[in-house]
Amino acid sequence: MRLDVEGVTVEAAGKRLVDEIKLTVDSGAFVGLVGPNGSGKSTLLRCVYRALRPAAGVVRLDGDDVHTLAPRAAARRLAALPQESSSEFDFTVAEVVGMGRLPHRDRTAAEDRAICAESMRATGVEHLAARGFLALSGGERQRVLIARALAQRPQVLVLDEPTNHLDIAHQLDVLSLVRASGLTVLAALHDLNLAAAHCDLLYVLSAGRVVASGPPHDVLCPDLLAEVFGVRAHPVRHPETGAMQLLFDLLPPSE
């Protein structure tokens, strides 16, 4: 399923947070949003997963305006993992993951159990099934929420900082899982090396605008990173995969 963001603009308190952003995620592609804090990544994603209606522009799923879809219909197509998720009630992990099945009317209990078990195995949380969600560590909660999104069986997955709270091994596991899922994925990522290693395309945001887009090795160039992130970047090649990776230090003080 293809995702198109067409001229989306968001304004608040007289300030333009997102300014006429256009981007495309082709079916099955993994596209990353990168940019400094306050660049508009999370605000844009909230428009994509219907938590926020833009002041202008439209978000389309295979041509359909996502904001005109009925909630259940939208949830069958698109699942989201926001940056911050909270629960006032201490559901078990199995119950939280099971919530991903709610958008599906034509389902059986046995089918739901099988899909949830598969999602928990894939994210490494099946041993936590009987544990209370609120008693988990931040990293464990994040993996449970990803399992819930996968159990929803969407065609499009929207992720806002999915590697938050995860240790290095689980960061790599989760992004590899998402990459191999075959889903259409739009993800905001802080770690530029993870973005370079896992994304097909990157959109770089700064002050609510797209300032660059393309394959990671074309986009993440030292001049752009100095301008947007205020750091000096040194590109290197990963010795095993050949993927571009970046070493950073501070820009020297101006003369």
Protein backbone atom coordinates (compact mmCIF):
# COMPACT_ATOMS: atom_id res chain seq x y z
CA MET A 1 0.00 0.00 0.00
CA ARG A 2 1.35 3.41 -1.02
CA LEU A 3 1.42 6.36 1.35
CA ASP A 4 1.41 9.93 0.02
CA VAL A 5 1.74 13.12 2.04
CA GLU A 6 0.62 16.00 -0.15
CA GLY A 7 1.40 19.53 0.99
CA VAL A 8 0.67 18.93 4.66
CA THR A 9 0.83 22.05 6.84
CA VAL A 10 0.30 22.30 10.60
CA GLU A 11 -0.05 25.54 12.52
CA ALA A 12 -0.32 26.19 16.26
CA ALA A 13 -0.35 29.45 18.23
CA GLY A 14 0.42 31.37 15.08
CA LYS A 15 3.48 29.28 14.29
CA ARG A 16 3.87 26.94 11.33
CA LEU A 17 5.17 23.63 12.71
CA VAL A 18 5.00 21.72 9.43
CA ASP A 19 5.23 23.64 6.19
CA GLU A 20 3.79 22.14 2.99
CA ILE A 21 5.55 18.79 3.32
CA LYS A 22 5.32 16.38 0.42
CA LEU A 23 6.64 12.84 0.53
CA THR A 24 5.90 9.40 -0.84
CA VAL A 25 6.41 5.94 0.60
CA ASP A 26 6.03 3.30 -2.09
CA SER A 27 4.41 0.01 -1.25
CA GLY A 28 6.79 -2.13 0.81
CA ALA A 29 9.40 0.62 1.21
CA PHE A 30 11.01 1.68 4.50
CA VAL A 31 11.29 5.47 4.57
CA GLY A 32 12.89 7.41 7.40
CA LEU A 33 12.32 10.93 8.69
CA VAL A 34 15.40 12.48 10.25
CA GLY A 35 16.06 15.92 11.62
CA PRO A 36 16.94 17.75 14.83
CA ASN A 37 14.58 18.13 17.76
CA GLY A 38 11.70 20.42 16.88
CA SER A 39 12.00 19.88 13.14
CA GLY A 40 8.42 18.62 12.80
CA LYS A 41 8.89 14.84 12.54
CA SER A 42 6.44 13.83 15.26
CA THR A 43 3.90 16.47 14.25
CA LEU A 44 3.93 15.18 10.68
CA LEU A 45 3.53 11.57 11.81
CA ARG A 46 0.56 12.54 13.99
CA CYS A 47 -1.13 13.78 10.83
CA VAL A 48 -0.37 10.49 9.09
CA TYR A 49 -1.88 8.33 11.83
CA ARG A 50 -4.91 10.61 12.29
CA ALA A 51 -4.10 12.00 15.74
CA LEU A 52 -3.91 15.49 14.23
CA ARG A 53 -5.76 17.04 11.32
CA PRO A 54 -3.53 19.30 9.21
CA ALA A 55 -4.44 22.90 8.47
CA ALA A 56 -3.81 22.18 4.78
CA GLY A 57 -2.83 19.26 2.63
CA VAL A 58 -3.86 15.62 2.65
CA VAL A 59 -2.50 12.21 3.62
CA ARG A 60 -3.50 9.40 1.26
CA LEU A 61 -3.39 5.61 1.49
CA ASP A 62 -3.57 4.19 -2.02
CA GLY A 63 -5.31 7.42 -3.04
CA ASP A 64 -7.83 7.55 -0.18
CA ASP A 65 -7.74 10.52 2.22
CA VAL A 66 -6.87 8.89 5.55
CA HIS A 67 -8.92 11.46 7.47
CA THR A 68 -12.12 10.52 5.64
CA LEU A 69 -11.83 6.81 6.44
CA ALA A 70 -13.91 5.33 9.24
CA PRO A 71 -11.73 4.63 12.31
CA ARG A 72 -12.00 0.85 12.00
CA ALA A 73 -11.26 0.94 8.28
CA ALA A 74 -8.22 3.17 8.87
CA ALA A 75 -6.96 0.86 11.64
CA ARG A 76 -7.13 -2.14 9.32
CA ARG A 77 -4.80 -0.35 6.92
CA LEU A 78 -2.47 1.56 9.21
CA ALA A 79 -0.92 0.92 12.63
CA ALA A 80 1.11 3.45 14.60
CA LEU A 81 3.60 3.45 17.41
CA PRO A 82 3.66 6.99 18.87
CA GLN A 83 6.71 8.28 20.66
CA GLU A 84 4.98 8.21 24.03
CA SER A 85 2.36 5.62 24.95
CA SER A 86 0.76 5.28 28.35
CA SER A 87 -1.84 3.15 30.05
CA GLU A 88 -3.72 3.89 33.23
CA PHE A 89 -4.67 0.25 33.69
CA ASP A 90 -2.24 -2.57 34.26
CA PHE A 91 -3.22 -4.92 31.47
CA THR A 92 -1.14 -8.01 30.91
CA VAL A 93 1.22 -8.09 27.96
CA ALA A 94 -1.03 -10.61 26.24
CA GLU A 95 -4.00 -8.27 26.66
CA VAL A 96 -2.08 -5.27 25.31
CA VAL A 97 -0.95 -7.19 22.23
CA GLY A 98 -4.50 -8.53 21.82
CA MET A 99 -5.77 -4.95 21.45
CA GLY A 100 -4.17 -4.94 18.03
CA ARG A 101 -6.85 -7.34 16.86
CA LEU A 102 -9.79 -5.05 17.71
CA PRO A 103 -10.16 -3.46 14.25
CA HIS A 104 -10.85 -6.84 12.66
CA ARG A 105 -14.52 -7.89 12.68
CA ASP A 106 -14.23 -11.24 10.90
CA ARG A 107 -11.94 -13.04 13.24
CA THR A 108 -11.98 -16.00 15.62
CA ALA A 109 -10.48 -16.28 19.08
CA ALA A 110 -8.12 -18.99 17.86
CA GLU A 111 -6.95 -16.82 14.96
CA ASP A 112 -6.40 -13.87 17.30
CA ARG A 113 -4.36 -16.00 19.70
CA ALA A 114 -2.20 -17.37 16.88
CA ILE A 115 -1.51 -13.93 15.40
CA CYS A 116 -0.72 -12.42 18.81
CA ALA A 117 1.60 -15.30 19.68
CA GLU A 118 3.41 -14.88 16.36
CA SER A 119 3.81 -11.13 16.96
CA MET A 120 5.13 -11.68 20.49
CA ARG A 121 7.61 -14.28 19.27
CA ALA A 122 8.83 -11.95 16.54
CA THR A 123 9.50 -9.14 19.03
CA GLY A 124 10.91 -11.38 21.76
CA VAL A 125 8.22 -10.76 24.38
CA GLU A 126 6.35 -14.07 24.48
CA HIS A 127 7.90 -14.87 27.87
CA LEU A 128 6.28 -11.70 29.24
CA ALA A 129 2.72 -12.63 28.21
CA ALA A 130 1.38 -12.91 31.77
CA ARG A 131 3.29 -9.92 33.14
CA GLY A 132 1.62 -6.60 33.88
CA PHE A 133 2.47 -3.96 31.27
CA LEU A 134 3.14 -1.25 33.87
CA ALA A 135 5.75 -3.42 35.61
CA LEU A 136 7.91 -3.70 32.50
CA SER A 137 11.05 -1.75 31.72
CA GLY A 138 10.93 0.95 29.05
CA GLY A 139 12.56 -1.32 26.51
CA GLU A 140 10.20 -4.19 27.25
CA ARG A 141 7.18 -1.89 26.90
CA GLN A 142 8.45 -0.65 23.55
CA ARG A 143 8.76 -4.18 22.19
CA VAL A 144 5.27 -5.04 23.46
CA LEU A 145 3.81 -2.02 21.69
CA ILE A 146 5.57 -3.01 18.47
CA ALA A 147 4.09 -6.51 18.89
CA ARG A 148 0.64 -4.92 19.26
CA ALA A 149 1.15 -2.94 16.05
CA LEU A 150 2.22 -6.08 14.17
CA ALA A 151 -0.75 -8.02 15.56
CA GLN A 152 -3.00 -5.40 13.99
CA ARG A 153 -1.86 -6.82 10.64
CA PRO A 154 -1.72 -3.43 8.93
CA GLN A 155 -0.42 -2.65 5.48
CA VAL A 156 1.24 0.58 6.61
CA LEU A 157 3.29 1.01 9.78
CA VAL A 158 4.07 4.46 11.23
CA LEU A 159 6.78 4.53 13.89
CA ASP A 160 7.89 7.51 15.97
CA GLU A 161 11.31 6.75 17.44
CA PRO A 162 10.72 2.96 17.62
CA THR A 163 14.15 2.30 19.12
CA ASN A 164 13.52 4.49 22.18
CA HIS A 165 14.55 2.70 25.38
CA LEU A 166 15.93 -0.31 23.50
CA ASP A 167 19.44 -1.65 23.97
CA ILE A 168 21.66 -2.01 20.93
CA ALA A 169 20.77 -5.63 20.19
CA HIS A 170 17.04 -4.96 20.36
CA GLN A 171 17.39 -1.80 18.25
CA LEU A 172 18.93 -3.89 15.48
CA ASP A 173 16.42 -6.72 15.96
CA VAL A 174 13.38 -4.45 15.80
CA LEU A 175 14.48 -2.50 12.74
CA SER A 176 15.52 -5.70 10.96
CA LEU A 177 12.10 -7.18 11.76
CA VAL A 178 10.32 -4.09 10.44
CA ARG A 179 12.53 -4.07 7.35
CA ALA A 180 11.74 -7.72 6.62
CA SER A 181 8.00 -7.39 7.28
CA GLY A 182 7.15 -6.28 3.75
CA LEU A 183 4.99 -3.48 5.17
CA THR A 184 5.03 0.09 3.95
CA VAL A 185 6.93 1.86 6.75
CA LEU A 186 7.37 5.52 7.64
CA ALA A 187 9.56 6.02 10.72
CA ALA A 188 11.08 8.97 12.55
CA LEU A 189 14.58 8.06 13.70
CA HIS A 190 17.10 10.01 15.75
CA ASP A 191 20.02 7.66 15.14
CA LEU A 192 21.37 8.52 11.70
CA ASN A 193 23.44 5.34 11.51
CA LEU A 194 20.37 3.17 12.11
CA ALA A 195 18.51 5.22 9.51
CA ALA A 196 21.34 4.80 6.99
CA ALA A 197 21.50 1.04 7.57
CA HIS A 198 17.79 0.24 7.38
CA CYS A 199 15.95 2.84 5.30
CA ASP A 200 15.47 2.82 1.54
CA LEU A 201 14.97 6.58 1.44
CA LEU A 202 15.37 9.44 3.89
CA TYR A 203 13.61 12.78 4.17
CA VAL A 204 15.56 15.36 6.17
CA LEU A 205 13.40 17.88 8.02
CA SER A 206 14.49 21.24 9.39
CA ALA A 207 12.16 23.90 10.82
CA GLY A 208 9.12 22.04 9.50
CA ARG A 209 10.34 21.73 5.91
CA VAL A 210 11.90 18.97 3.83
CA VAL A 211 15.41 20.18 3.03
CA ALA A 212 16.72 16.99 1.38
CA SER A 213 15.51 13.58 0.30
CA GLY A 214 16.91 10.49 -1.36
CA PRO A 215 18.91 7.36 -0.60
CA PRO A 216 20.86 7.58 2.68
CA HIS A 217 24.29 7.65 1.02
CA ASP A 218 23.21 10.64 -1.09
CA VAL A 219 21.43 12.57 1.65
CA LEU A 220 23.67 12.17 4.70
CA CYS A 221 26.57 14.24 3.39
CA PRO A 222 28.85 16.26 5.67
CA ASP A 223 27.75 19.66 4.35
CA LEU A 224 24.06 18.96 4.96
CA LEU A 225 24.67 17.47 8.39
CA ALA A 226 26.73 20.48 9.39
CA GLU A 227 23.96 22.82 8.26
CA VAL A 228 21.01 20.92 9.73
CA PHE A 229 22.45 19.22 12.82
CA GLY A 230 25.41 21.49 13.59
CA VAL A 231 27.91 18.62 13.68
CA ARG A 232 30.91 17.54 11.65
CA ALA A 233 30.34 14.14 10.07
CA HIS A 234 32.90 11.65 8.79
CA PRO A 235 31.35 8.97 6.50
CA VAL A 236 32.83 5.47 6.68
CA ARG A 237 31.78 2.10 5.29
CA HIS A 238 30.62 -0.73 7.51
CA PRO A 239 33.24 -3.49 7.17
CA GLU A 240 30.66 -6.27 6.81
CA THR A 241 27.64 -4.76 5.04
CA GLY A 242 29.26 -1.89 3.18
CA ALA A 243 26.50 0.43 4.42
CA MET A 244 27.51 4.01 5.08
CA GLN A 245 28.02 4.88 8.72
CA LEU A 246 28.88 8.21 10.29
CA LEU A 247 31.33 9.35 12.93
CA PHE A 248 30.60 12.69 14.55
CA ASP A 249 32.31 15.48 16.39
CA LEU A 250 31.49 19.10 17.09
CA LEU A 251 32.05 21.72 14.46
CA PRO A 252 35.16 23.76 15.13
CA PRO A 253 34.46 27.26 16.49
CA SER A 254 34.08 29.84 13.78
CA GLU A 255 36.99 32.12 13.23
